[in-house]
Amino acid sequence: MNMTKHDLRRLMLHEFKLGHNASEASANINRAWGEESTRDRTVRRWFGKFRSGDESLKDEEGRVRLGSLENEQLHAVVEQNPPQSVIEISQTLGVSIATVSRHLKIIGKVNKLDRWVPHELNENQKLRRFEV
């Protein structure tokens, strides 16, 4: 069964009303609905909202998910300008540095000699690496 964000927030509110702390709530939800159902930090944020008296389950207006990044989009930015830093890439794409770093690893790019290059050499690169 797929859980929507609203369903998860309802579970968080339930855990909050039971008097559980955020860590307990996160563990309970993940145990019941799968290990990656929610993150401890997300539950802490919602518990803070509930503690302030706001039990609305809607996202805050203007809240932007910084973790939203398409690997193809990142690949295009890196290929367009390989010498740029992770900070510059994060500013260009409007996401966090951690998100850029994580996705660079996913697409197999590493920084060598101030350039983002594929982590693994292809056959042509292997043959050319001994050329002088």
N, C-alpha and C. Protein backbone atom coordinates (compact mmCIF):
# COMPACT_ATOMS: atom_id res chain seq x y z
N MET A 1 0.84 -1.18 0.00
CA MET A 1 0.00 0.00 0.00
C MET A 1 0.89 1.25 0.00
N ASN A 2 0.61 2.16 -0.91
CA ASN A 2 1.38 3.39 -0.99
C ASN A 2 0.80 4.42 -0.03
N MET A 3 1.71 5.06 0.71
CA MET A 3 1.30 6.10 1.65
C MET A 3 1.52 7.46 0.98
N THR A 4 0.54 8.32 1.08
CA THR A 4 0.72 9.68 0.59
C THR A 4 1.37 10.50 1.71
N LYS A 5 1.84 11.68 1.36
CA LYS A 5 2.42 12.57 2.36
C LYS A 5 1.37 12.91 3.42
N HIS A 6 0.15 13.13 2.96
CA HIS A 6 -0.93 13.47 3.90
C HIS A 6 -1.17 12.32 4.88
N ASP A 7 -1.13 11.08 4.38
CA ASP A 7 -1.30 9.91 5.26
C ASP A 7 -0.19 9.85 6.30
N LEU A 8 1.04 10.08 5.85
CA LEU A 8 2.17 10.06 6.79
C LEU A 8 2.04 11.16 7.84
N ARG A 9 1.60 12.33 7.42
CA ARG A 9 1.42 13.43 8.37
C ARG A 9 0.33 13.10 9.39
N ARG A 10 -0.71 12.42 8.93
CA ARG A 10 -1.77 12.00 9.84
C ARG A 10 -1.20 11.03 10.88
N LEU A 11 -0.33 10.12 10.43
CA LEU A 11 0.32 9.19 11.37
C LEU A 11 1.22 9.95 12.36
N MET A 12 1.93 10.96 11.86
CA MET A 12 2.79 11.76 12.75
C MET A 12 1.95 12.47 13.80
N LEU A 13 0.82 13.03 13.39
CA LEU A 13 -0.07 13.70 14.35
C LEU A 13 -0.59 12.70 15.37
N HIS A 14 -0.94 11.52 14.93
CA HIS A 14 -1.40 10.46 15.82
C HIS A 14 -0.32 10.13 16.85
N GLU A 15 0.90 9.94 16.38
CA GLU A 15 2.03 9.63 17.28
C GLU A 15 2.25 10.78 18.26
N PHE A 16 2.12 12.01 17.77
CA PHE A 16 2.29 13.19 18.63
C PHE A 16 1.25 13.18 19.74
N LYS A 17 -0.01 12.89 19.37
CA LYS A 17 -1.09 12.90 20.36
C LYS A 17 -0.97 11.74 21.35
N LEU A 18 -0.27 10.68 20.94
CA LEU A 18 -0.03 9.57 21.87
C LEU A 18 1.07 9.91 22.88
N GLY A 19 1.77 11.03 22.65
CA GLY A 19 2.81 11.46 23.58
C GLY A 19 4.20 10.93 23.25
N HIS A 20 4.35 10.35 22.07
CA HIS A 20 5.66 9.85 21.67
C HIS A 20 6.54 11.01 21.22
N ASN A 21 7.85 10.85 21.40
CA ASN A 21 8.75 11.87 20.87
C ASN A 21 8.99 11.58 19.38
N ALA A 22 9.67 12.50 18.71
CA ALA A 22 9.85 12.39 17.26
C ALA A 22 10.63 11.14 16.86
N SER A 23 11.64 10.79 17.62
CA SER A 23 12.44 9.60 17.30
C SER A 23 11.61 8.33 17.41
N GLU A 24 10.82 8.24 18.47
CA GLU A 24 9.93 7.08 18.64
C GLU A 24 8.91 7.02 17.52
N ALA A 25 8.34 8.17 17.18
CA ALA A 25 7.33 8.22 16.13
C ALA A 25 7.92 7.78 14.79
N SER A 26 9.10 8.31 14.48
CA SER A 26 9.77 7.94 13.22
C SER A 26 10.03 6.44 13.18
N ALA A 27 10.53 5.89 14.27
CA ALA A 27 10.81 4.45 14.34
C ALA A 27 9.53 3.64 14.19
N ASN A 28 8.46 4.06 14.85
CA ASN A 28 7.19 3.34 14.77
C ASN A 28 6.63 3.35 13.34
N ILE A 29 6.66 4.51 12.71
CA ILE A 29 6.13 4.63 11.34
C ILE A 29 6.97 3.79 10.38
N ASN A 30 8.28 3.88 10.51
CA ASN A 30 9.16 3.11 9.61
C ASN A 30 9.04 1.60 9.84
N ARG A 31 8.83 1.21 11.08
CA ARG A 31 8.66 -0.21 11.38
C ARG A 31 7.36 -0.73 10.76
N ALA A 32 6.32 0.07 10.81
CA ALA A 32 5.02 -0.37 10.29
C ALA A 32 4.89 -0.23 8.76
N TRP A 33 5.51 0.81 8.18
CA TRP A 33 5.27 1.12 6.78
C TRP A 33 6.50 1.02 5.89
N GLY A 34 7.62 0.58 6.45
CA GLY A 34 8.83 0.42 5.64
C GLY A 34 9.91 1.39 6.10
N GLU A 35 11.13 0.94 6.05
CA GLU A 35 12.26 1.68 6.61
C GLU A 35 12.47 3.07 6.02
N GLU A 36 12.08 3.29 4.80
CA GLU A 36 12.29 4.60 4.18
C GLU A 36 11.00 5.42 4.10
N SER A 37 10.02 5.10 4.93
CA SER A 37 8.74 5.81 4.89
C SER A 37 8.88 7.27 5.26
N THR A 38 9.66 7.54 6.29
CA THR A 38 9.85 8.92 6.73
C THR A 38 11.23 9.06 7.35
N ARG A 39 11.66 10.27 7.53
CA ARG A 39 12.96 10.56 8.14
C ARG A 39 12.73 11.22 9.50
N ASP A 40 13.66 10.97 10.39
CA ASP A 40 13.58 11.52 11.74
C ASP A 40 13.47 13.05 11.70
N ARG A 41 14.23 13.70 10.82
CA ARG A 41 14.22 15.16 10.73
C ARG A 41 12.85 15.68 10.30
N THR A 42 12.21 14.96 9.38
CA THR A 42 10.88 15.37 8.92
C THR A 42 9.87 15.29 10.07
N VAL A 43 9.94 14.22 10.83
CA VAL A 43 9.02 14.05 11.97
C VAL A 43 9.28 15.15 13.00
N ARG A 44 10.55 15.47 13.24
CA ARG A 44 10.88 16.54 14.19
C ARG A 44 10.26 17.89 13.75
N ARG A 45 10.35 18.18 12.45
CA ARG A 45 9.79 19.43 11.93
C ARG A 45 8.29 19.48 12.15
N TRP A 46 7.60 18.38 11.84
CA TRP A 46 6.15 18.34 12.01
C TRP A 46 5.76 18.38 13.49
N PHE A 47 6.52 17.72 14.34
CA PHE A 47 6.24 17.76 15.78
C PHE A 47 6.37 19.19 16.31
N GLY A 48 7.36 19.92 15.82
CA GLY A 48 7.52 21.33 16.21
C GLY A 48 6.30 22.14 15.83
N LYS A 49 5.78 21.89 14.64
CA LYS A 49 4.58 22.56 14.17
C LYS A 49 3.38 22.20 15.06
N PHE A 50 3.23 20.92 15.39
CA PHE A 50 2.13 20.47 16.25
C PHE A 50 2.26 21.08 17.64
N ARG A 51 3.49 21.13 18.17
CA ARG A 51 3.75 21.68 19.50
C ARG A 51 3.33 23.15 19.58
N SER A 52 3.47 23.87 18.46
CA SER A 52 3.11 25.30 18.45
C SER A 52 1.60 25.50 18.37
N GLY A 53 0.85 24.39 18.29
CA GLY A 53 -0.61 24.48 18.25
C GLY A 53 -1.19 24.34 16.86
N ASP A 54 -0.36 24.28 15.84
CA ASP A 54 -0.84 24.15 14.46
C ASP A 54 -0.91 22.67 14.11
N GLU A 55 -2.11 22.13 14.03
CA GLU A 55 -2.28 20.72 13.70
C GLU A 55 -2.74 20.53 12.24
N SER A 56 -2.58 21.57 11.45
CA SER A 56 -2.88 21.48 10.02
C SER A 56 -1.88 20.53 9.38
N LEU A 57 -2.31 19.73 8.44
CA LEU A 57 -1.44 18.76 7.79
C LEU A 57 -0.97 19.23 6.41
N LYS A 58 -1.18 20.51 6.13
CA LYS A 58 -0.77 21.07 4.83
C LYS A 58 0.65 21.61 4.91
N ASP A 59 1.36 21.53 3.77
CA ASP A 59 2.70 22.11 3.68
C ASP A 59 2.62 23.62 3.85
N GLU A 60 3.70 24.19 4.34
CA GLU A 60 3.77 25.64 4.47
C GLU A 60 3.84 26.24 3.08
N GLU A 61 3.23 27.40 2.90
CA GLU A 61 3.28 28.10 1.61
C GLU A 61 4.72 28.49 1.31
N GLY A 62 5.09 28.32 0.07
CA GLY A 62 6.42 28.74 -0.34
C GLY A 62 7.52 27.77 0.01
N ARG A 63 7.18 26.68 0.66
CA ARG A 63 8.22 25.71 1.03
C ARG A 63 8.66 24.98 -0.23
N VAL A 64 9.97 24.99 -0.47
CA VAL A 64 10.53 24.37 -1.66
C VAL A 64 11.36 23.17 -1.24
N ARG A 65 11.16 22.07 -1.91
CA ARG A 65 11.97 20.88 -1.64
C ARG A 65 13.31 21.05 -2.32
N LEU A 66 14.37 21.16 -1.52
CA LEU A 66 15.70 21.34 -2.08
C LEU A 66 16.26 20.05 -2.64
N GLY A 67 15.70 18.92 -2.26
CA GLY A 67 16.23 17.65 -2.71
C GLY A 67 15.75 17.23 -4.09
N SER A 68 14.90 18.03 -4.71
CA SER A 68 14.36 17.66 -6.02
C SER A 68 15.36 18.01 -7.11
N LEU A 69 15.93 16.98 -7.70
CA LEU A 69 16.93 17.19 -8.75
C LEU A 69 16.90 16.01 -9.69
N GLU A 70 16.78 16.29 -10.96
CA GLU A 70 16.81 15.24 -11.97
C GLU A 70 18.26 15.00 -12.36
N ASN A 71 18.65 13.74 -12.42
CA ASN A 71 20.02 13.41 -12.78
C ASN A 71 20.38 13.90 -14.17
N GLU A 72 19.42 13.88 -15.10
CA GLU A 72 19.69 14.36 -16.46
C GLU A 72 19.99 15.85 -16.46
N GLN A 73 19.27 16.58 -15.63
CA GLN A 73 19.47 18.02 -15.51
C GLN A 73 20.87 18.30 -14.96
N LEU A 74 21.27 17.58 -13.93
CA LEU A 74 22.60 17.74 -13.35
C LEU A 74 23.67 17.37 -14.37
N HIS A 75 23.47 16.28 -15.07
CA HIS A 75 24.43 15.82 -16.07
C HIS A 75 24.64 16.91 -17.14
N ALA A 76 23.55 17.53 -17.58
CA ALA A 76 23.63 18.57 -18.60
C ALA A 76 24.43 19.77 -18.09
N VAL A 77 24.19 20.18 -16.85
CA VAL A 77 24.91 21.33 -16.28
C VAL A 77 26.40 21.01 -16.15
N VAL A 78 26.72 19.80 -15.72
CA VAL A 78 28.12 19.41 -15.55
C VAL A 78 28.83 19.33 -16.90
N GLU A 79 28.15 18.76 -17.90
CA GLU A 79 28.76 18.64 -19.22
C GLU A 79 28.96 20.01 -19.88
N GLN A 80 28.06 20.93 -19.60
CA GLN A 80 28.14 22.26 -20.18
C GLN A 80 29.36 23.02 -19.64
N ASN A 81 29.69 22.82 -18.35
CA ASN A 81 30.80 23.54 -17.74
C ASN A 81 31.48 22.65 -16.70
N PRO A 82 32.33 21.71 -17.12
CA PRO A 82 32.93 20.75 -16.19
C PRO A 82 33.78 21.34 -15.06
N PRO A 83 34.45 22.50 -15.23
CA PRO A 83 35.29 22.99 -14.13
C PRO A 83 34.54 23.60 -12.94
N GLN A 84 33.23 23.76 -13.02
CA GLN A 84 32.54 24.44 -11.92
C GLN A 84 32.50 23.60 -10.65
N SER A 85 32.42 24.29 -9.54
CA SER A 85 32.43 23.63 -8.23
C SER A 85 31.02 23.15 -7.85
N VAL A 86 30.96 22.34 -6.81
CA VAL A 86 29.67 21.85 -6.31
C VAL A 86 28.83 23.03 -5.84
N ILE A 87 29.46 24.02 -5.24
CA ILE A 87 28.73 25.22 -4.78
C ILE A 87 28.10 25.95 -5.96
N GLU A 88 28.87 26.13 -7.03
CA GLU A 88 28.35 26.80 -8.22
C GLU A 88 27.20 26.00 -8.85
N ILE A 89 27.36 24.68 -8.90
CA ILE A 89 26.30 23.83 -9.46
C ILE A 89 25.04 23.95 -8.61
N SER A 90 25.20 23.93 -7.28
CA SER A 90 24.04 24.01 -6.40
C SER A 90 23.32 25.34 -6.56
N GLN A 91 24.07 26.43 -6.75
CA GLN A 91 23.46 27.74 -6.96
C GLN A 91 22.74 27.80 -8.30
N THR A 92 23.33 27.20 -9.32
CA THR A 92 22.72 27.18 -10.65
C THR A 92 21.40 26.44 -10.64
N LEU A 93 21.37 25.30 -9.95
CA LEU A 93 20.17 24.44 -9.95
C LEU A 93 19.19 24.77 -8.83
N GLY A 94 19.62 25.58 -7.85
CA GLY A 94 18.74 25.95 -6.75
C GLY A 94 18.49 24.82 -5.78
N VAL A 95 19.49 23.96 -5.57
CA VAL A 95 19.38 22.86 -4.62
C VAL A 95 20.56 22.93 -3.66
N SER A 96 20.52 22.11 -2.62
CA SER A 96 21.59 22.14 -1.63
C SER A 96 22.86 21.49 -2.15
N ILE A 97 23.97 21.82 -1.53
CA ILE A 97 25.26 21.26 -1.89
C ILE A 97 25.25 19.75 -1.67
N ALA A 98 24.62 19.31 -0.58
CA ALA A 98 24.54 17.88 -0.28
C ALA A 98 23.78 17.13 -1.37
N THR A 99 22.71 17.74 -1.88
CA THR A 99 21.93 17.11 -2.94
C THR A 99 22.76 16.97 -4.20
N VAL A 100 23.50 18.03 -4.56
CA VAL A 100 24.36 17.96 -5.75
C VAL A 100 25.41 16.88 -5.57
N SER A 101 26.06 16.84 -4.41
CA SER A 101 27.10 15.84 -4.15
C SER A 101 26.55 14.42 -4.25
N ARG A 102 25.39 14.21 -3.66
CA ARG A 102 24.77 12.89 -3.69
C ARG A 102 24.45 12.46 -5.12
N HIS A 103 23.90 13.39 -5.91
CA HIS A 103 23.52 13.05 -7.28
C HIS A 103 24.74 12.92 -8.20
N LEU A 104 25.80 13.67 -7.93
CA LEU A 104 27.04 13.49 -8.71
C LEU A 104 27.56 12.07 -8.51
N LYS A 105 27.48 11.59 -7.29
CA LYS A 105 27.93 10.23 -7.00
C LYS A 105 27.04 9.22 -7.73
N ILE A 106 25.73 9.47 -7.74
CA ILE A 106 24.79 8.58 -8.40
C ILE A 106 25.08 8.48 -9.90
N ILE A 107 25.38 9.63 -10.53
CA ILE A 107 25.64 9.60 -11.97
C ILE A 107 27.10 9.25 -12.29
N GLY A 108 27.88 8.96 -11.25
CA GLY A 108 29.24 8.47 -11.46
C GLY A 108 30.26 9.52 -11.83
N LYS A 109 30.07 10.76 -11.37
CA LYS A 109 31.03 11.82 -11.66
C LYS A 109 31.89 12.09 -10.44
N VAL A 110 33.19 12.27 -10.69
CA VAL A 110 34.12 12.65 -9.63
C VAL A 110 34.91 13.85 -10.11
N ASN A 111 35.43 14.63 -9.18
CA ASN A 111 36.19 15.82 -9.52
C ASN A 111 37.68 15.46 -9.56
N LYS A 112 38.26 15.56 -10.76
CA LYS A 112 39.69 15.29 -10.93
C LYS A 112 40.30 16.45 -11.70
N LEU A 113 41.34 17.03 -11.13
CA LEU A 113 42.03 18.16 -11.75
C LEU A 113 41.06 19.27 -12.13
N ASP A 114 40.17 19.59 -11.20
CA ASP A 114 39.20 20.67 -11.36
C ASP A 114 38.18 20.46 -12.46
N ARG A 115 37.89 19.22 -12.79
CA ARG A 115 36.88 18.89 -13.80
C ARG A 115 36.06 17.72 -13.30
N TRP A 116 34.77 17.72 -13.63
CA TRP A 116 33.89 16.60 -13.31
C TRP A 116 34.00 15.59 -14.44
N VAL A 117 34.47 14.41 -14.11
CA VAL A 117 34.69 13.37 -15.11
C VAL A 117 34.00 12.09 -14.67
N PRO A 118 33.73 11.18 -15.63
CA PRO A 118 33.14 9.89 -15.24
C PRO A 118 34.10 9.15 -14.31
N HIS A 119 33.55 8.50 -13.32
CA HIS A 119 34.39 7.76 -12.38
C HIS A 119 35.11 6.60 -13.06
N GLU A 120 34.41 5.91 -13.92
CA GLU A 120 34.98 4.77 -14.63
C GLU A 120 35.44 5.21 -16.01
N LEU A 121 36.58 4.69 -16.43
CA LEU A 121 37.08 4.97 -17.77
C LEU A 121 36.38 4.06 -18.77
N ASN A 122 36.04 4.62 -19.96
CA ASN A 122 35.49 3.77 -21.00
C ASN A 122 36.67 3.14 -21.76
N GLU A 123 36.40 2.26 -22.68
CA GLU A 123 37.47 1.53 -23.39
C GLU A 123 38.42 2.47 -24.12
N ASN A 124 37.88 3.49 -24.78
CA ASN A 124 38.70 4.45 -25.50
C ASN A 124 39.63 5.20 -24.55
N GLN A 125 39.11 5.60 -23.38
CA GLN A 125 39.93 6.30 -22.39
C GLN A 125 41.02 5.40 -21.84
N LYS A 126 40.72 4.12 -21.64
CA LYS A 126 41.72 3.18 -21.14
C LYS A 126 42.86 3.03 -22.13
N LEU A 127 42.54 3.01 -23.42
CA LEU A 127 43.58 2.87 -24.44
C LEU A 127 44.43 4.14 -24.55
N ARG A 128 43.78 5.30 -24.39
CA ARG A 128 44.48 6.58 -24.56
C ARG A 128 45.25 7.02 -23.32
N ARG A 129 45.05 6.42 -22.17
CA ARG A 129 45.69 6.91 -20.96
C ARG A 129 47.20 6.74 -20.95
N PHE A 130 47.72 5.88 -21.83
CA PHE A 130 49.17 5.68 -21.89
C PHE A 130 49.82 6.49 -22.99
N GLU A 131 49.01 7.20 -23.79
CA GLU A 131 49.57 8.01 -24.86
C GLU A 131 50.26 9.23 -24.25
N VAL A 132 51.35 9.62 -24.89
CA VAL A 132 52.10 10.78 -24.41
C VAL A 132 52.06 11.88 -25.42
